[in-house]
Amino acid sequence: MQEHIELVMGAGGPKARIAGHRIRVLDVAIWHERLGLSPNEIVQQYPDLTLADVYAALAYSWVHRDEIERAIAADDAFVAEFRRQHPGPLEEKAAHRPRG
């Protein structure tokens, strides 16, 4: 697993990512667990990755489960706050739609 995963310093501390790529372990975990993509489907969508890369990322995400869950929650909170502060055209239209 060590040759497939690297820790890179970023805002808020080190981030685990697939070695030689900008793809975070967190991203692979989300694609697999939340979007239901299989490791093969992930490789099909990101052909620069190998199955070994994807399996190493999934293994890392299970070993560091709490860290990954906290990172997912932080990303979700950031997106929710951004959407609250910057509503899109559909949200603005709905907010100004007459009731009744």
N, C-alpha and C. Protein backbone atom coordinates (compact mmCIF):
# COMPACT_ATOMS: atom_id res chain seq x y z
N MET A 1 0.83 -1.19 0.00
CA MET A 1 0.00 0.00 0.00
C MET A 1 0.87 1.26 0.00
N GLN A 2 2.03 1.21 0.62
CA GLN A 2 2.86 2.40 0.77
C GLN A 2 3.33 2.98 -0.56
N GLU A 3 3.58 2.14 -1.56
CA GLU A 3 4.05 2.69 -2.83
C GLU A 3 2.91 3.32 -3.63
N HIS A 4 1.66 3.10 -3.21
CA HIS A 4 0.52 3.63 -3.94
C HIS A 4 -0.08 4.88 -3.30
N ILE A 5 0.20 5.11 -2.04
CA ILE A 5 -0.40 6.23 -1.30
C ILE A 5 0.71 7.15 -0.80
N GLU A 6 0.48 8.47 -0.95
CA GLU A 6 1.44 9.44 -0.42
C GLU A 6 0.67 10.47 0.40
N LEU A 7 1.34 11.02 1.39
CA LEU A 7 0.77 12.09 2.19
C LEU A 7 1.37 13.40 1.72
N VAL A 8 0.50 14.36 1.41
CA VAL A 8 0.92 15.65 0.90
C VAL A 8 0.39 16.72 1.84
N MET A 9 1.24 17.63 2.24
CA MET A 9 0.81 18.71 3.12
C MET A 9 -0.11 19.65 2.35
N GLY A 10 -1.20 19.99 2.99
CA GLY A 10 -2.17 20.90 2.40
C GLY A 10 -2.79 21.76 3.48
N ALA A 11 -3.73 22.58 3.08
CA ALA A 11 -4.44 23.39 4.06
C ALA A 11 -5.14 22.45 5.03
N GLY A 12 -4.95 22.66 6.29
CA GLY A 12 -5.59 21.82 7.29
C GLY A 12 -4.83 20.55 7.62
N GLY A 13 -3.62 20.41 7.09
CA GLY A 13 -2.83 19.23 7.43
C GLY A 13 -2.59 18.31 6.25
N PRO A 14 -1.98 17.16 6.52
CA PRO A 14 -1.62 16.25 5.43
C PRO A 14 -2.86 15.59 4.82
N LYS A 15 -2.79 15.38 3.52
CA LYS A 15 -3.86 14.73 2.78
C LYS A 15 -3.30 13.48 2.10
N ALA A 16 -4.00 12.38 2.22
CA ALA A 16 -3.59 11.14 1.56
C ALA A 16 -4.10 11.17 0.13
N ARG A 17 -3.20 10.87 -0.80
CA ARG A 17 -3.62 10.80 -2.19
C ARG A 17 -2.88 9.67 -2.88
N ILE A 18 -3.36 9.32 -4.05
CA ILE A 18 -2.71 8.26 -4.82
C ILE A 18 -1.39 8.82 -5.34
N ALA A 19 -0.32 8.09 -5.10
CA ALA A 19 1.03 8.55 -5.46
C ALA A 19 1.10 8.88 -6.94
N GLY A 20 1.67 10.05 -7.22
CA GLY A 20 1.85 10.48 -8.60
C GLY A 20 0.61 11.07 -9.24
N HIS A 21 -0.47 11.21 -8.46
CA HIS A 21 -1.73 11.76 -8.96
C HIS A 21 -2.24 12.81 -8.00
N ARG A 22 -3.20 13.59 -8.44
CA ARG A 22 -3.83 14.57 -7.56
C ARG A 22 -5.13 14.02 -6.96
N ILE A 23 -5.41 12.76 -7.20
CA ILE A 23 -6.64 12.14 -6.72
C ILE A 23 -6.47 11.74 -5.25
N ARG A 24 -7.36 12.26 -4.42
CA ARG A 24 -7.30 11.97 -2.99
C ARG A 24 -7.89 10.60 -2.68
N VAL A 25 -7.39 9.99 -1.64
CA VAL A 25 -7.98 8.75 -1.13
C VAL A 25 -9.45 9.00 -0.81
N LEU A 26 -9.73 10.15 -0.27
CA LEU A 26 -11.09 10.55 0.06
C LEU A 26 -12.00 10.46 -1.17
N ASP A 27 -11.51 10.92 -2.32
CA ASP A 27 -12.31 10.87 -3.55
C ASP A 27 -12.64 9.43 -3.94
N VAL A 28 -11.65 8.56 -3.88
CA VAL A 28 -11.87 7.15 -4.22
C VAL A 28 -12.88 6.53 -3.26
N ALA A 29 -12.78 6.85 -1.98
CA ALA A 29 -13.73 6.32 -0.99
C ALA A 29 -15.15 6.78 -1.31
N ILE A 30 -15.31 8.03 -1.66
CA ILE A 30 -16.64 8.56 -2.00
C ILE A 30 -17.18 7.90 -3.26
N TRP A 31 -16.35 7.79 -4.28
CA TRP A 31 -16.81 7.16 -5.53
C TRP A 31 -17.27 5.74 -5.28
N HIS A 32 -16.55 5.04 -4.43
CA HIS A 32 -16.88 3.63 -4.17
C HIS A 32 -18.07 3.50 -3.22
N GLU A 33 -18.02 4.21 -2.10
CA GLU A 33 -19.02 4.00 -1.05
C GLU A 33 -20.31 4.77 -1.28
N ARG A 34 -20.22 6.00 -1.73
CA ARG A 34 -21.44 6.81 -1.89
C ARG A 34 -22.03 6.71 -3.29
N LEU A 35 -21.17 6.62 -4.29
CA LEU A 35 -21.67 6.56 -5.66
C LEU A 35 -21.81 5.14 -6.17
N GLY A 36 -21.27 4.18 -5.40
CA GLY A 36 -21.43 2.78 -5.76
C GLY A 36 -20.58 2.29 -6.91
N LEU A 37 -19.52 3.03 -7.24
CA LEU A 37 -18.64 2.58 -8.33
C LEU A 37 -17.75 1.44 -7.85
N SER A 38 -17.59 0.45 -8.68
CA SER A 38 -16.67 -0.65 -8.37
C SER A 38 -15.25 -0.18 -8.65
N PRO A 39 -14.25 -0.86 -8.12
CA PRO A 39 -12.87 -0.51 -8.47
C PRO A 39 -12.63 -0.51 -9.99
N ASN A 40 -13.19 -1.48 -10.70
CA ASN A 40 -13.04 -1.51 -12.16
C ASN A 40 -13.66 -0.28 -12.82
N GLU A 41 -14.82 0.15 -12.33
CA GLU A 41 -15.47 1.33 -12.90
C GLU A 41 -14.65 2.59 -12.63
N ILE A 42 -14.03 2.67 -11.46
CA ILE A 42 -13.18 3.82 -11.15
C ILE A 42 -12.00 3.86 -12.12
N VAL A 43 -11.39 2.72 -12.37
CA VAL A 43 -10.26 2.67 -13.31
C VAL A 43 -10.72 3.02 -14.72
N GLN A 44 -11.92 2.61 -15.09
CA GLN A 44 -12.45 2.96 -16.41
C GLN A 44 -12.61 4.46 -16.55
N GLN A 45 -13.07 5.12 -15.49
CA GLN A 45 -13.27 6.56 -15.53
C GLN A 45 -11.97 7.34 -15.37
N TYR A 46 -10.99 6.74 -14.74
CA TYR A 46 -9.69 7.38 -14.51
C TYR A 46 -8.60 6.40 -14.95
N PRO A 47 -8.39 6.27 -16.26
CA PRO A 47 -7.49 5.23 -16.78
C PRO A 47 -6.03 5.39 -16.40
N ASP A 48 -5.64 6.53 -15.85
CA ASP A 48 -4.27 6.68 -15.35
C ASP A 48 -4.05 5.91 -14.06
N LEU A 49 -5.15 5.54 -13.39
CA LEU A 49 -5.06 4.75 -12.17
C LEU A 49 -5.01 3.27 -12.50
N THR A 50 -4.40 2.52 -11.60
CA THR A 50 -4.40 1.07 -11.73
C THR A 50 -5.35 0.50 -10.68
N LEU A 51 -5.74 -0.75 -10.87
CA LEU A 51 -6.55 -1.40 -9.84
C LEU A 51 -5.83 -1.42 -8.50
N ALA A 52 -4.51 -1.61 -8.55
CA ALA A 52 -3.72 -1.61 -7.31
C ALA A 52 -3.82 -0.26 -6.61
N ASP A 53 -3.81 0.85 -7.38
CA ASP A 53 -3.98 2.19 -6.80
C ASP A 53 -5.32 2.30 -6.08
N VAL A 54 -6.37 1.86 -6.76
CA VAL A 54 -7.72 1.97 -6.21
C VAL A 54 -7.87 1.11 -4.96
N TYR A 55 -7.40 -0.13 -5.03
CA TYR A 55 -7.50 -1.00 -3.85
C TYR A 55 -6.66 -0.47 -2.69
N ALA A 56 -5.50 0.11 -2.99
CA ALA A 56 -4.67 0.69 -1.92
C ALA A 56 -5.40 1.87 -1.28
N ALA A 57 -6.07 2.69 -2.10
CA ALA A 57 -6.82 3.82 -1.56
C ALA A 57 -7.98 3.34 -0.68
N LEU A 58 -8.67 2.30 -1.14
CA LEU A 58 -9.78 1.76 -0.35
C LEU A 58 -9.27 1.15 0.96
N ALA A 59 -8.15 0.44 0.89
CA ALA A 59 -7.57 -0.13 2.12
C ALA A 59 -7.17 0.99 3.08
N TYR A 60 -6.52 2.02 2.56
CA TYR A 60 -6.12 3.16 3.40
C TYR A 60 -7.35 3.79 4.04
N SER A 61 -8.43 3.93 3.25
CA SER A 61 -9.63 4.58 3.79
C SER A 61 -10.26 3.76 4.92
N TRP A 62 -10.13 2.44 4.87
CA TRP A 62 -10.66 1.61 5.95
C TRP A 62 -9.77 1.64 7.18
N VAL A 63 -8.47 1.66 6.98
CA VAL A 63 -7.54 1.72 8.11
C VAL A 63 -7.66 3.07 8.83
N HIS A 64 -7.92 4.13 8.06
CA HIS A 64 -8.01 5.50 8.60
C HIS A 64 -9.45 6.00 8.54
N ARG A 65 -10.38 5.14 8.89
CA ARG A 65 -11.82 5.41 8.75
C ARG A 65 -12.25 6.72 9.40
N ASP A 66 -11.85 6.97 10.65
CA ASP A 66 -12.27 8.19 11.35
C ASP A 66 -11.78 9.44 10.62
N GLU A 67 -10.52 9.41 10.18
CA GLU A 67 -9.93 10.53 9.46
C GLU A 67 -10.71 10.80 8.16
N ILE A 68 -11.03 9.76 7.44
CA ILE A 68 -11.76 9.90 6.17
C ILE A 68 -13.16 10.43 6.42
N GLU A 69 -13.84 9.91 7.43
CA GLU A 69 -15.20 10.38 7.76
C GLU A 69 -15.19 11.85 8.15
N ARG A 70 -14.18 12.28 8.91
CA ARG A 70 -14.08 13.70 9.28
C ARG A 70 -13.84 14.56 8.04
N ALA A 71 -13.00 14.10 7.14
CA ALA A 71 -12.71 14.85 5.92
C ALA A 71 -13.95 14.95 5.03
N ILE A 72 -14.71 13.87 4.93
CA ILE A 72 -15.95 13.90 4.15
C ILE A 72 -16.93 14.89 4.77
N ALA A 73 -17.07 14.86 6.09
CA ALA A 73 -17.98 15.78 6.78
C ALA A 73 -17.54 17.23 6.57
N ALA A 74 -16.24 17.49 6.62
CA ALA A 74 -15.73 18.85 6.41
C ALA A 74 -16.00 19.31 4.98
N ASP A 75 -15.79 18.44 4.00
CA ASP A 75 -16.09 18.78 2.61
C ASP A 75 -17.57 19.06 2.42
N ASP A 76 -18.43 18.21 3.00
CA ASP A 76 -19.88 18.40 2.91
C ASP A 76 -20.30 19.74 3.52
N ALA A 77 -19.73 20.07 4.67
CA ALA A 77 -20.06 21.33 5.35
C ALA A 77 -19.60 22.52 4.50
N PHE A 78 -18.43 22.42 3.90
CA PHE A 78 -17.93 23.50 3.05
C PHE A 78 -18.87 23.73 1.87
N VAL A 79 -19.28 22.65 1.22
CA VAL A 79 -20.17 22.76 0.06
C VAL A 79 -21.51 23.35 0.48
N ALA A 80 -22.07 22.89 1.59
CA ALA A 80 -23.35 23.41 2.07
C ALA A 80 -23.26 24.91 2.36
N GLU A 81 -22.20 25.33 3.01
CA GLU A 81 -22.02 26.75 3.33
C GLU A 81 -21.84 27.57 2.07
N PHE A 82 -21.06 27.06 1.11
CA PHE A 82 -20.85 27.76 -0.15
C PHE A 82 -22.18 27.94 -0.88
N ARG A 83 -22.97 26.87 -0.93
CA ARG A 83 -24.28 26.95 -1.61
C ARG A 83 -25.22 27.92 -0.89
N ARG A 84 -25.13 27.97 0.43
CA ARG A 84 -25.96 28.91 1.19
C ARG A 84 -25.58 30.34 0.86
N GLN A 85 -24.29 30.61 0.76
CA GLN A 85 -23.82 31.96 0.49
C GLN A 85 -23.91 32.36 -0.98
N HIS A 86 -23.92 31.36 -1.87
CA HIS A 86 -23.93 31.62 -3.31
C HIS A 86 -24.99 30.77 -3.99
N PRO A 87 -26.26 31.14 -3.81
CA PRO A 87 -27.32 30.31 -4.42
C PRO A 87 -27.25 30.36 -5.94
N GLY A 88 -27.58 29.25 -6.54
CA GLY A 88 -27.60 29.17 -7.99
C GLY A 88 -28.89 29.76 -8.53
N PRO A 89 -29.02 29.84 -9.86
CA PRO A 89 -30.20 30.46 -10.46
C PRO A 89 -31.51 29.75 -10.09
N LEU A 90 -31.48 28.42 -9.96
CA LEU A 90 -32.71 27.71 -9.61
C LEU A 90 -33.14 28.02 -8.18
N GLU A 91 -32.18 28.08 -7.27
CA GLU A 91 -32.50 28.41 -5.88
C GLU A 91 -33.05 29.84 -5.78
N GLU A 92 -32.45 30.75 -6.53
CA GLU A 92 -32.92 32.14 -6.50
C GLU A 92 -34.33 32.25 -7.08
N LYS A 93 -34.57 31.54 -8.16
CA LYS A 93 -35.89 31.56 -8.78
C LYS A 93 -36.93 30.99 -7.82
N ALA A 94 -36.61 29.88 -7.16
CA ALA A 94 -37.54 29.27 -6.21
C ALA A 94 -37.80 30.19 -5.03
N ALA A 95 -36.78 30.90 -4.58
CA ALA A 95 -36.93 31.79 -3.43
C ALA A 95 -37.85 32.98 -3.76
N HIS A 96 -37.92 33.37 -5.01
CA HIS A 96 -38.73 34.53 -5.41
C HIS A 96 -40.05 34.13 -6.06
N ARG A 97 -40.34 32.85 -6.09
CA ARG A 97 -41.58 32.37 -6.69
C ARG A 97 -42.76 32.70 -5.77
N PRO A 98 -43.84 33.20 -6.34
CA PRO A 98 -45.02 33.47 -5.49
C PRO A 98 -45.60 32.20 -4.92
N ARG A 99 -46.02 32.25 -3.70
CA ARG A 99 -46.63 31.09 -3.02
C ARG A 99 -48.14 31.14 -3.27
N GLY A 100 -48.72 29.96 -3.34
CA GLY A 100 -50.14 29.97 -3.33
C GLY A 100 -50.78 29.28 -4.41
